[in-house]
Amino acid sequence: MEKHWAEIIKSIGEDLDRPGLIDTPKRASKAFEFLTHGYGLSVDEVVNEALFPSESSEMVLVQDVELYSLCEHHLLPFIGKCHVGYLPTGKVLGLSKVARIVDVFARRLQIQESLTTQIAQTIMDVTNASGVGVIIEARHMCMMMRGVEKQNSMMKTSAMLGNFRSCQATRDEFLQILQLRT
């Protein structure tokens, strides 16, 4: 990957022998590997059997999980927050595992619509919940730094599965809890 970064830098007219750029291909390669490390993660590894017995069937909500991803169309970042709610059926997922599941998919080349659905379906599959709701709010550098250059635009996507889709009261509760932020 390092040699490809060197070619990209040369192709924009830069001098790779310039002091500030000497190690840039190596640094860029390492950075890109980190930004896309979701490809090397599996859901089973990150969950690591962190499902715990629980009699609760009430909504669990993990709000404002930071996410960083790369737009698959322009390789530019999109940055935002993910909100995950689920209705447990005998087991709850370790809190940090929700954030780790977000990272498994966010740290890949993505579009926000797919990311939202992947997270929701994975939480549903892992927890066997009776319903899952996921909302992502993100700012996209491809909208801000190039093209239309709209600095204040935010994209919001949702995925509602199970009772979050079929039961209006559950969906409303999820959305109401999210509005209670300070």
N, C-alpha and C. Protein backbone atom coordinates (compact mmCIF):
# COMPACT_ATOMS: atom_id res chain seq x y z
N MET A 1 0.83 -1.19 0.00
CA MET A 1 0.00 0.00 0.00
C MET A 1 0.88 1.26 0.00
N GLU A 2 2.01 1.14 0.67
CA GLU A 2 2.92 2.29 0.78
C GLU A 2 3.35 2.81 -0.60
N LYS A 3 3.69 1.89 -1.52
CA LYS A 3 4.13 2.32 -2.85
C LYS A 3 2.99 2.99 -3.61
N HIS A 4 1.77 2.56 -3.37
CA HIS A 4 0.62 3.19 -4.03
C HIS A 4 0.40 4.61 -3.51
N TRP A 5 0.58 4.81 -2.21
CA TRP A 5 0.49 6.17 -1.67
C TRP A 5 1.58 7.06 -2.26
N ALA A 6 2.76 6.51 -2.43
CA ALA A 6 3.85 7.29 -3.05
C ALA A 6 3.46 7.70 -4.46
N GLU A 7 2.85 6.80 -5.22
CA GLU A 7 2.43 7.11 -6.58
C GLU A 7 1.33 8.18 -6.58
N ILE A 8 0.41 8.09 -5.66
CA ILE A 8 -0.66 9.10 -5.58
C ILE A 8 -0.05 10.46 -5.27
N ILE A 9 0.85 10.52 -4.32
CA ILE A 9 1.47 11.79 -3.94
C ILE A 9 2.26 12.37 -5.11
N LYS A 10 2.99 11.52 -5.82
CA LYS A 10 3.74 11.98 -6.99
C LYS A 10 2.78 12.47 -8.08
N SER A 11 1.66 11.77 -8.24
CA SER A 11 0.73 12.11 -9.33
C SER A 11 0.04 13.45 -9.13
N ILE A 12 0.00 13.96 -7.90
CA ILE A 12 -0.58 15.29 -7.70
C ILE A 12 0.46 16.39 -7.86
N GLY A 13 1.71 15.99 -8.15
CA GLY A 13 2.75 16.97 -8.43
C GLY A 13 3.67 17.26 -7.26
N GLU A 14 3.62 16.45 -6.22
CA GLU A 14 4.48 16.67 -5.05
C GLU A 14 5.81 15.95 -5.21
N ASP A 15 6.76 16.40 -4.45
CA ASP A 15 8.11 15.85 -4.44
C ASP A 15 8.26 14.97 -3.20
N LEU A 16 8.37 13.68 -3.40
CA LEU A 16 8.49 12.74 -2.27
C LEU A 16 9.80 12.90 -1.50
N ASP A 17 10.76 13.63 -2.06
CA ASP A 17 12.02 13.85 -1.36
C ASP A 17 11.97 15.10 -0.47
N ARG A 18 10.87 15.83 -0.54
CA ARG A 18 10.70 17.00 0.32
C ARG A 18 10.63 16.53 1.77
N PRO A 19 11.31 17.21 2.71
CA PRO A 19 11.39 16.73 4.09
C PRO A 19 10.05 16.35 4.73
N GLY A 20 9.01 17.11 4.50
CA GLY A 20 7.72 16.80 5.11
C GLY A 20 7.02 15.58 4.54
N LEU A 21 7.48 15.12 3.37
CA LEU A 21 6.81 14.01 2.69
C LEU A 21 7.61 12.71 2.69
N ILE A 22 8.82 12.73 3.20
CA ILE A 22 9.68 11.55 3.09
C ILE A 22 9.01 10.30 3.65
N ASP A 23 8.39 10.38 4.81
CA ASP A 23 7.76 9.20 5.42
C ASP A 23 6.24 9.18 5.24
N THR A 24 5.71 10.11 4.46
CA THR A 24 4.25 10.19 4.31
C THR A 24 3.63 8.93 3.71
N PRO A 25 4.20 8.31 2.68
CA PRO A 25 3.57 7.09 2.18
C PRO A 25 3.45 5.99 3.26
N LYS A 26 4.45 5.87 4.10
CA LYS A 26 4.41 4.88 5.18
C LYS A 26 3.33 5.26 6.19
N ARG A 27 3.31 6.55 6.59
CA ARG A 27 2.31 6.99 7.57
C ARG A 27 0.89 6.88 7.00
N ALA A 28 0.72 7.25 5.73
CA ALA A 28 -0.61 7.18 5.11
C ALA A 28 -1.08 5.73 5.03
N SER A 29 -0.17 4.83 4.73
CA SER A 29 -0.52 3.41 4.67
C SER A 29 -0.98 2.90 6.03
N LYS A 30 -0.24 3.24 7.07
CA LYS A 30 -0.63 2.82 8.42
C LYS A 30 -1.96 3.44 8.84
N ALA A 31 -2.14 4.71 8.49
CA ALA A 31 -3.40 5.38 8.83
C ALA A 31 -4.57 4.72 8.12
N PHE A 32 -4.41 4.42 6.83
CA PHE A 32 -5.50 3.81 6.08
C PHE A 32 -5.81 2.41 6.60
N GLU A 33 -4.79 1.67 6.99
CA GLU A 33 -5.02 0.35 7.58
C GLU A 33 -5.82 0.49 8.87
N PHE A 34 -5.50 1.49 9.69
CA PHE A 34 -6.26 1.70 10.92
C PHE A 34 -7.69 2.11 10.62
N LEU A 35 -7.86 3.04 9.69
CA LEU A 35 -9.20 3.54 9.37
C LEU A 35 -10.12 2.46 8.80
N THR A 36 -9.53 1.41 8.26
CA THR A 36 -10.32 0.32 7.68
C THR A 36 -10.12 -1.01 8.42
N HIS A 37 -9.74 -0.93 9.69
CA HIS A 37 -9.45 -2.17 10.41
C HIS A 37 -10.68 -3.04 10.68
N GLY A 38 -11.86 -2.55 10.35
CA GLY A 38 -13.07 -3.35 10.50
C GLY A 38 -13.06 -4.61 9.65
N TYR A 39 -12.31 -4.57 8.55
CA TYR A 39 -12.22 -5.77 7.71
C TYR A 39 -11.53 -6.92 8.43
N GLY A 40 -10.69 -6.60 9.40
CA GLY A 40 -9.98 -7.64 10.14
C GLY A 40 -10.70 -8.08 11.41
N LEU A 41 -11.88 -7.54 11.66
CA LEU A 41 -12.65 -7.88 12.86
C LEU A 41 -13.83 -8.77 12.50
N SER A 42 -14.17 -9.65 13.41
CA SER A 42 -15.39 -10.42 13.23
C SER A 42 -16.31 -10.15 14.42
N VAL A 43 -17.59 -10.25 14.18
CA VAL A 43 -18.57 -10.02 15.25
C VAL A 43 -18.34 -11.00 16.40
N ASP A 44 -18.09 -12.26 16.09
CA ASP A 44 -17.86 -13.26 17.15
C ASP A 44 -16.68 -12.87 18.03
N GLU A 45 -15.60 -12.37 17.42
CA GLU A 45 -14.43 -11.96 18.20
C GLU A 45 -14.73 -10.78 19.10
N VAL A 46 -15.43 -9.78 18.59
CA VAL A 46 -15.67 -8.60 19.42
C VAL A 46 -16.72 -8.83 20.48
N VAL A 47 -17.72 -9.66 20.20
CA VAL A 47 -18.73 -9.97 21.22
C VAL A 47 -18.13 -10.87 22.29
N ASN A 48 -17.31 -11.81 21.88
CA ASN A 48 -16.56 -12.65 22.81
C ASN A 48 -17.45 -13.23 23.92
N GLU A 49 -18.61 -13.71 23.52
CA GLU A 49 -19.56 -14.35 24.46
C GLU A 49 -20.02 -13.44 25.59
N ALA A 50 -19.99 -12.13 25.38
CA ALA A 50 -20.41 -11.19 26.42
C ALA A 50 -21.93 -10.97 26.36
N LEU A 51 -22.65 -12.06 26.44
CA LEU A 51 -24.11 -12.04 26.57
C LEU A 51 -24.43 -12.54 27.97
N PHE A 52 -25.20 -11.76 28.70
CA PHE A 52 -25.44 -12.06 30.10
C PHE A 52 -26.92 -12.29 30.36
N PRO A 53 -27.25 -13.31 31.17
CA PRO A 53 -28.66 -13.57 31.47
C PRO A 53 -29.30 -12.35 32.12
N SER A 54 -30.54 -12.10 31.72
CA SER A 54 -31.29 -10.97 32.28
C SER A 54 -32.77 -11.25 32.14
N GLU A 55 -33.51 -10.89 33.18
CA GLU A 55 -34.96 -11.03 33.12
C GLU A 55 -35.62 -9.80 32.51
N SER A 56 -34.84 -8.78 32.24
CA SER A 56 -35.38 -7.55 31.67
C SER A 56 -35.86 -7.76 30.24
N SER A 57 -37.03 -7.24 29.98
CA SER A 57 -37.53 -7.23 28.60
C SER A 57 -37.78 -5.78 28.17
N GLU A 58 -37.31 -4.85 29.01
CA GLU A 58 -37.46 -3.43 28.72
C GLU A 58 -36.35 -2.96 27.80
N MET A 59 -36.59 -1.85 27.13
CA MET A 59 -35.66 -1.34 26.14
C MET A 59 -34.30 -1.01 26.75
N VAL A 60 -33.27 -1.43 26.06
CA VAL A 60 -31.89 -1.06 26.36
C VAL A 60 -31.47 -0.09 25.27
N LEU A 61 -30.95 1.07 25.67
CA LEU A 61 -30.55 2.07 24.68
C LEU A 61 -29.12 2.50 24.97
N VAL A 62 -28.29 2.40 23.96
CA VAL A 62 -26.92 2.92 24.02
C VAL A 62 -26.89 4.07 23.03
N GLN A 63 -26.66 5.25 23.57
CA GLN A 63 -26.83 6.49 22.81
C GLN A 63 -25.48 7.17 22.59
N ASP A 64 -25.36 7.87 21.49
CA ASP A 64 -24.19 8.71 21.19
C ASP A 64 -22.89 7.93 21.08
N VAL A 65 -22.94 6.76 20.47
CA VAL A 65 -21.72 6.00 20.20
C VAL A 65 -21.02 6.68 19.02
N GLU A 66 -19.84 7.21 19.26
CA GLU A 66 -19.10 7.90 18.20
C GLU A 66 -18.74 6.92 17.10
N LEU A 67 -18.83 7.39 15.87
CA LEU A 67 -18.39 6.53 14.77
C LEU A 67 -17.62 7.35 13.75
N TYR A 68 -16.67 6.67 13.15
CA TYR A 68 -15.81 7.24 12.11
C TYR A 68 -15.76 6.23 10.99
N SER A 69 -16.10 6.66 9.80
CA SER A 69 -16.09 5.75 8.67
C SER A 69 -15.56 6.48 7.44
N LEU A 70 -15.41 5.74 6.36
CA LEU A 70 -14.96 6.30 5.09
C LEU A 70 -16.02 6.02 4.02
N CYS A 71 -16.42 7.07 3.34
CA CYS A 71 -17.37 6.96 2.24
C CYS A 71 -16.76 6.09 1.14
N GLU A 72 -17.48 5.09 0.73
CA GLU A 72 -16.95 4.19 -0.29
C GLU A 72 -16.88 4.83 -1.68
N HIS A 73 -17.53 5.97 -1.85
CA HIS A 73 -17.53 6.63 -3.15
C HIS A 73 -16.33 7.56 -3.34
N HIS A 74 -15.89 8.22 -2.25
CA HIS A 74 -14.82 9.21 -2.37
C HIS A 74 -13.64 8.96 -1.44
N LEU A 75 -13.75 7.96 -0.58
CA LEU A 75 -12.73 7.65 0.43
C LEU A 75 -12.51 8.82 1.37
N LEU A 76 -13.55 9.60 1.60
CA LEU A 76 -13.49 10.70 2.56
C LEU A 76 -14.27 10.30 3.81
N PRO A 77 -13.88 10.84 4.96
CA PRO A 77 -14.53 10.44 6.21
C PRO A 77 -15.98 10.92 6.32
N PHE A 78 -16.76 10.13 7.05
CA PHE A 78 -17.99 10.64 7.63
C PHE A 78 -17.94 10.30 9.10
N ILE A 79 -18.40 11.25 9.90
CA ILE A 79 -18.22 11.22 11.35
C ILE A 79 -19.56 11.50 12.00
N GLY A 80 -19.89 10.71 13.00
CA GLY A 80 -21.17 10.95 13.65
C GLY A 80 -21.39 10.15 14.90
N LYS A 81 -22.68 9.95 15.18
CA LYS A 81 -23.11 9.23 16.37
C LYS A 81 -24.11 8.16 15.97
N CYS A 82 -24.05 7.06 16.69
CA CYS A 82 -24.96 5.95 16.48
C CYS A 82 -25.74 5.72 17.77
N HIS A 83 -27.03 5.52 17.64
CA HIS A 83 -27.90 5.22 18.77
C HIS A 83 -28.49 3.84 18.53
N VAL A 84 -28.34 2.94 19.50
CA VAL A 84 -28.80 1.56 19.35
C VAL A 84 -29.74 1.24 20.49
N GLY A 85 -30.93 0.78 20.15
CA GLY A 85 -31.88 0.30 21.14
C GLY A 85 -32.28 -1.12 20.81
N TYR A 86 -32.50 -1.93 21.85
CA TYR A 86 -32.99 -3.28 21.60
C TYR A 86 -33.84 -3.75 22.76
N LEU A 87 -34.69 -4.73 22.48
CA LEU A 87 -35.57 -5.33 23.49
C LEU A 87 -35.06 -6.73 23.78
N PRO A 88 -34.40 -6.92 24.95
CA PRO A 88 -33.80 -8.22 25.25
C PRO A 88 -34.85 -9.31 25.48
N THR A 89 -34.44 -10.52 25.19
CA THR A 89 -35.29 -11.70 25.44
C THR A 89 -34.45 -12.73 26.19
N GLY A 90 -34.12 -12.42 27.44
CA GLY A 90 -33.39 -13.38 28.27
C GLY A 90 -31.91 -13.10 28.39
N LYS A 91 -31.36 -12.29 27.50
CA LYS A 91 -29.93 -11.97 27.56
C LYS A 91 -29.71 -10.52 27.16
N VAL A 92 -28.71 -9.90 27.81
CA VAL A 92 -28.29 -8.56 27.42
C VAL A 92 -26.83 -8.62 26.97
N LEU A 93 -26.50 -7.71 26.09
CA LEU A 93 -25.16 -7.64 25.52
C LEU A 93 -24.30 -6.71 26.37
N GLY A 94 -23.06 -7.11 26.64
CA GLY A 94 -22.14 -6.24 27.35
C GLY A 94 -22.08 -4.87 26.69
N LEU A 95 -22.12 -3.83 27.49
CA LEU A 95 -22.25 -2.46 27.00
C LEU A 95 -21.20 -2.10 25.96
N SER A 96 -19.94 -2.40 26.24
CA SER A 96 -18.89 -2.03 25.29
C SER A 96 -19.01 -2.78 23.98
N LYS A 97 -19.70 -3.89 23.99
CA LYS A 97 -19.82 -4.70 22.77
C LYS A 97 -20.69 -4.01 21.73
N VAL A 98 -21.64 -3.19 22.18
CA VAL A 98 -22.45 -2.43 21.23
C VAL A 98 -21.53 -1.49 20.44
N ALA A 99 -20.68 -0.77 21.15
CA ALA A 99 -19.74 0.14 20.48
C ALA A 99 -18.77 -0.62 19.58
N ARG A 100 -18.35 -1.79 20.01
CA ARG A 100 -17.43 -2.58 19.19
C ARG A 100 -18.10 -3.08 17.91
N ILE A 101 -19.38 -3.43 18.01
CA ILE A 101 -20.12 -3.85 16.81
C ILE A 101 -20.23 -2.68 15.84
N VAL A 102 -20.49 -1.48 16.36
CA VAL A 102 -20.53 -0.31 15.50
C VAL A 102 -19.20 -0.18 14.76
N ASP A 103 -18.09 -0.34 15.46
CA ASP A 103 -16.77 -0.21 14.83
C ASP A 103 -16.48 -1.30 13.80
N VAL A 104 -16.96 -2.52 14.03
CA VAL A 104 -16.72 -3.58 13.05
C VAL A 104 -17.15 -3.13 11.67
N PHE A 105 -18.30 -2.48 11.60
CA PHE A 105 -18.84 -2.08 10.30
C PHE A 105 -18.46 -0.66 9.90
N ALA A 106 -18.31 0.24 10.87
CA ALA A 106 -17.95 1.62 10.53
C ALA A 106 -16.52 1.70 9.99
N ARG A 107 -15.65 0.85 10.48
CA ARG A 107 -14.24 0.92 10.05
C ARG A 107 -14.01 0.12 8.77
N ARG A 108 -14.92 0.31 7.83
CA ARG A 108 -14.82 -0.25 6.49
C ARG A 108 -15.27 0.84 5.51
N LEU A 109 -15.01 0.64 4.25
CA LEU A 109 -15.57 1.54 3.25
C LEU A 109 -17.07 1.33 3.25
N GLN A 110 -17.83 2.42 3.37
CA GLN A 110 -19.25 2.29 3.65
C GLN A 110 -20.09 3.36 2.99
N ILE A 111 -21.38 3.11 2.97
CA ILE A 111 -22.38 4.16 2.85
C ILE A 111 -23.20 4.08 4.13
N GLN A 112 -23.67 5.21 4.59
CA GLN A 112 -24.35 5.27 5.88
C GLN A 112 -25.60 4.40 5.93
N GLU A 113 -26.31 4.34 4.82
CA GLU A 113 -27.54 3.53 4.80
C GLU A 113 -27.24 2.07 5.09
N SER A 114 -26.21 1.53 4.47
CA SER A 114 -25.84 0.13 4.71
C SER A 114 -25.30 -0.07 6.12
N LEU A 115 -24.50 0.86 6.58
CA LEU A 115 -23.93 0.78 7.93
C LEU A 115 -25.04 0.65 8.96
N THR A 116 -26.07 1.46 8.84
CA THR A 116 -27.18 1.45 9.79
C THR A 116 -27.85 0.08 9.82
N THR A 117 -28.11 -0.46 8.65
CA THR A 117 -28.77 -1.77 8.55
C THR A 117 -27.87 -2.89 9.08
N GLN A 118 -26.58 -2.83 8.77
CA GLN A 118 -25.66 -3.88 9.23
C GLN A 118 -25.60 -3.93 10.75
N ILE A 119 -25.54 -2.77 11.38
CA ILE A 119 -25.48 -2.72 12.84
C ILE A 119 -26.77 -3.29 13.43
N ALA A 120 -27.92 -2.85 12.91
CA ALA A 120 -29.21 -3.32 13.43
C ALA A 120 -29.34 -4.83 13.29
N GLN A 121 -29.04 -5.35 12.11
CA GLN A 121 -29.20 -6.79 11.89
C GLN A 121 -28.25 -7.59 12.77
N THR A 122 -27.04 -7.09 12.96
CA THR A 122 -26.08 -7.80 13.80
C THR A 122 -26.52 -7.83 15.26
N ILE A 123 -27.00 -6.70 15.78
CA ILE A 123 -27.50 -6.67 17.17
C ILE A 123 -28.66 -7.64 17.31
N MET A 124 -29.55 -7.65 16.32
CA MET A 124 -30.69 -8.58 16.34
C MET A 124 -30.21 -10.02 16.36
N ASP A 125 -29.27 -10.35 15.50
CA ASP A 125 -28.76 -11.72 15.41
C ASP A 125 -28.03 -12.14 16.67
N VAL A 126 -27.19 -11.27 17.20
CA VAL A 126 -26.36 -11.61 18.36
C VAL A 126 -27.19 -11.77 19.63
N THR A 127 -28.15 -10.88 19.82
CA THR A 127 -28.91 -10.86 21.08
C THR A 127 -30.20 -11.66 21.03
N ASN A 128 -30.65 -12.00 19.83
CA ASN A 128 -31.96 -12.61 19.65
C ASN A 128 -33.06 -11.72 20.25
N ALA A 129 -32.87 -10.42 20.12
CA ALA A 129 -33.81 -9.44 20.66
C ALA A 129 -35.15 -9.55 19.94
N SER A 130 -36.19 -9.06 20.60
CA SER A 130 -37.50 -9.04 19.93
C SER A 130 -37.63 -7.81 19.03
N GLY A 131 -36.68 -6.92 19.12
CA GLY A 131 -36.66 -5.75 18.25
C GLY A 131 -35.39 -4.96 18.43
N VAL A 132 -34.99 -4.27 17.37
CA VAL A 132 -33.79 -3.43 17.39
C VAL A 132 -34.09 -2.17 16.61
N GLY A 133 -33.61 -1.04 17.14
CA GLY A 133 -33.67 0.22 16.42
C GLY A 133 -32.28 0.85 16.41
N VAL A 134 -31.87 1.33 15.26
CA VAL A 134 -30.57 2.00 15.12
C VAL A 134 -30.79 3.30 14.35
N ILE A 135 -30.25 4.38 14.88
CA ILE A 135 -30.26 5.65 14.19
C ILE A 135 -28.82 6.16 14.14
N ILE A 136 -28.41 6.60 12.97
CA ILE A 136 -27.08 7.21 12.81
C ILE A 136 -27.27 8.63 12.29
N GLU A 137 -26.54 9.55 12.92
CA GLU A 137 -26.48 10.94 12.49
C GLU A 137 -25.02 11.21 12.15
N ALA A 138 -24.75 11.66 10.92
CA ALA A 138 -23.34 11.85 10.55
C ALA A 138 -23.17 13.01 9.58
N ARG A 139 -21.98 13.59 9.66
CA ARG A 139 -21.56 14.64 8.73
C ARG A 139 -20.56 14.00 7.77
N HIS A 140 -20.75 14.28 6.50
CA HIS A 140 -19.95 13.64 5.45
C HIS A 140 -19.01 14.65 4.82
N MET A 141 -17.72 14.36 4.89
CA MET A 141 -16.71 15.24 4.30
C MET A 141 -16.87 15.34 2.79
N CYS A 142 -17.44 14.32 2.15
CA CYS A 142 -17.66 14.41 0.70
C CYS A 142 -18.70 15.48 0.36
N MET A 143 -19.56 15.82 1.31
CA MET A 143 -20.52 16.92 1.13
C MET A 143 -19.91 18.25 1.56
N MET A 144 -18.98 18.21 2.49
CA MET A 144 -18.45 19.42 3.09
C MET A 144 -17.20 19.96 2.39
N MET A 145 -16.31 19.07 1.97
CA MET A 145 -15.02 19.49 1.45
C MET A 145 -14.97 19.58 -0.07
N ARG A 146 -15.92 18.99 -0.76
CA ARG A 146 -15.90 18.95 -2.21
C ARG A 146 -17.33 19.05 -2.71
N GLY A 147 -17.52 18.98 -3.97
CA GLY A 147 -18.87 18.97 -4.54
C GLY A 147 -19.69 20.18 -4.12
N VAL A 148 -20.79 19.95 -3.43
CA VAL A 148 -21.71 21.03 -3.07
C VAL A 148 -21.22 21.89 -1.91
N GLU A 149 -20.23 21.41 -1.16
CA GLU A 149 -19.61 22.15 -0.05
C GLU A 149 -20.65 22.72 0.93
N LYS A 150 -21.49 21.86 1.44
CA LYS A 150 -22.52 22.25 2.41
C LYS A 150 -22.03 21.87 3.81
N GLN A 151 -21.61 22.86 4.58
CA GLN A 151 -20.96 22.66 5.86
C GLN A 151 -21.88 22.20 6.98
N ASN A 152 -23.15 22.53 6.88
CA ASN A 152 -24.05 22.24 8.00
C ASN A 152 -25.00 21.09 7.73
N SER A 153 -24.77 20.37 6.67
CA SER A 153 -25.67 19.25 6.36
C SER A 153 -25.35 18.06 7.25
N MET A 154 -26.39 17.37 7.65
CA MET A 154 -26.24 16.15 8.44
C MET A 154 -27.18 15.10 7.85
N MET A 155 -26.67 13.89 7.74
CA MET A 155 -27.51 12.80 7.25
C MET A 155 -27.95 11.97 8.44
N LYS A 156 -29.24 11.60 8.45
CA LYS A 156 -29.78 10.74 9.49
C LYS A 156 -30.40 9.53 8.81
N THR A 157 -30.04 8.35 9.32
CA THR A 157 -30.60 7.11 8.80
C THR A 157 -31.10 6.27 9.95
N SER A 158 -32.08 5.43 9.67
CA SER A 158 -32.60 4.54 10.71
C SER A 158 -32.86 3.16 10.14
N ALA A 159 -32.78 2.20 11.03
CA ALA A 159 -33.17 0.82 10.72
C ALA A 159 -33.97 0.32 11.91
N MET A 160 -35.17 -0.14 11.65
CA MET A 160 -36.05 -0.64 12.70
C MET A 160 -36.41 -2.08 12.36
N LEU A 161 -36.12 -2.99 13.29
CA LEU A 161 -36.38 -4.41 13.07
C LEU A 161 -37.28 -4.96 14.18
N GLY A 162 -38.00 -6.02 13.87
CA GLY A 162 -38.85 -6.67 14.87
C GLY A 162 -39.88 -5.71 15.43
N ASN A 163 -40.00 -5.66 16.76
CA ASN A 163 -41.00 -4.82 17.42
C ASN A 163 -40.78 -3.33 17.16
N PHE A 164 -39.57 -2.92 16.84
CA PHE A 164 -39.33 -1.52 16.53
C PHE A 164 -40.00 -1.14 15.20
N ARG A 165 -40.21 -2.12 14.35
CA ARG A 165 -40.88 -1.89 13.07
C ARG A 165 -42.38 -2.12 13.19
N SER A 166 -42.78 -3.18 13.88
CA SER A 166 -44.19 -3.58 13.89
C SER A 166 -45.02 -2.91 14.98
N CYS A 167 -44.38 -2.37 16.00
CA CYS A 167 -45.12 -1.79 17.12
C CYS A 167 -44.82 -0.29 17.23
N GLN A 168 -45.80 0.52 16.88
CA GLN A 168 -45.62 1.97 16.89
C GLN A 168 -45.23 2.48 18.27
N ALA A 169 -45.78 1.88 19.34
CA ALA A 169 -45.46 2.33 20.70
C ALA A 169 -43.97 2.12 21.02
N THR A 170 -43.40 1.01 20.56
CA THR A 170 -41.98 0.74 20.80
C THR A 170 -41.12 1.74 20.03
N ARG A 171 -41.47 1.97 18.79
CA ARG A 171 -40.74 2.95 17.97
C ARG A 171 -40.82 4.33 18.62
N ASP A 172 -42.02 4.71 19.05
CA ASP A 172 -42.21 6.02 19.68
C ASP A 172 -41.40 6.15 20.96
N GLU A 173 -41.36 5.07 21.77
CA GLU A 173 -40.58 5.11 23.01
C GLU A 173 -39.09 5.33 22.69
N PHE A 174 -38.58 4.62 21.72
CA PHE A 174 -37.18 4.76 21.30
C PHE A 174 -36.89 6.20 20.89
N LEU A 175 -37.73 6.74 20.04
CA LEU A 175 -37.51 8.10 19.56
C LEU A 175 -37.69 9.12 20.68
N GLN A 176 -38.61 8.87 21.59
CA GLN A 176 -38.82 9.79 22.71
C GLN A 176 -37.61 9.80 23.65
N ILE A 177 -37.07 8.64 23.95
CA ILE A 177 -35.90 8.57 24.83
C ILE A 177 -34.73 9.34 24.20
N LEU A 178 -34.56 9.20 22.90
CA LEU A 178 -33.47 9.92 22.22
C LEU A 178 -33.65 11.42 22.32
N GLN A 179 -34.86 11.91 22.40
CA GLN A 179 -35.10 13.35 22.48
C GLN A 179 -34.87 13.89 23.88
N LEU A 180 -34.67 13.04 24.87
CA LEU A 180 -34.49 13.48 26.24
C LEU A 180 -33.06 13.91 26.54
N ARG A 181 -32.21 13.95 25.55
CA ARG A 181 -30.82 14.35 25.76
C ARG A 181 -30.73 15.76 26.32
N THR A 182 -29.63 15.97 27.04
CA THR A 182 -29.40 17.32 27.55
C THR A 182 -28.40 18.04 26.70
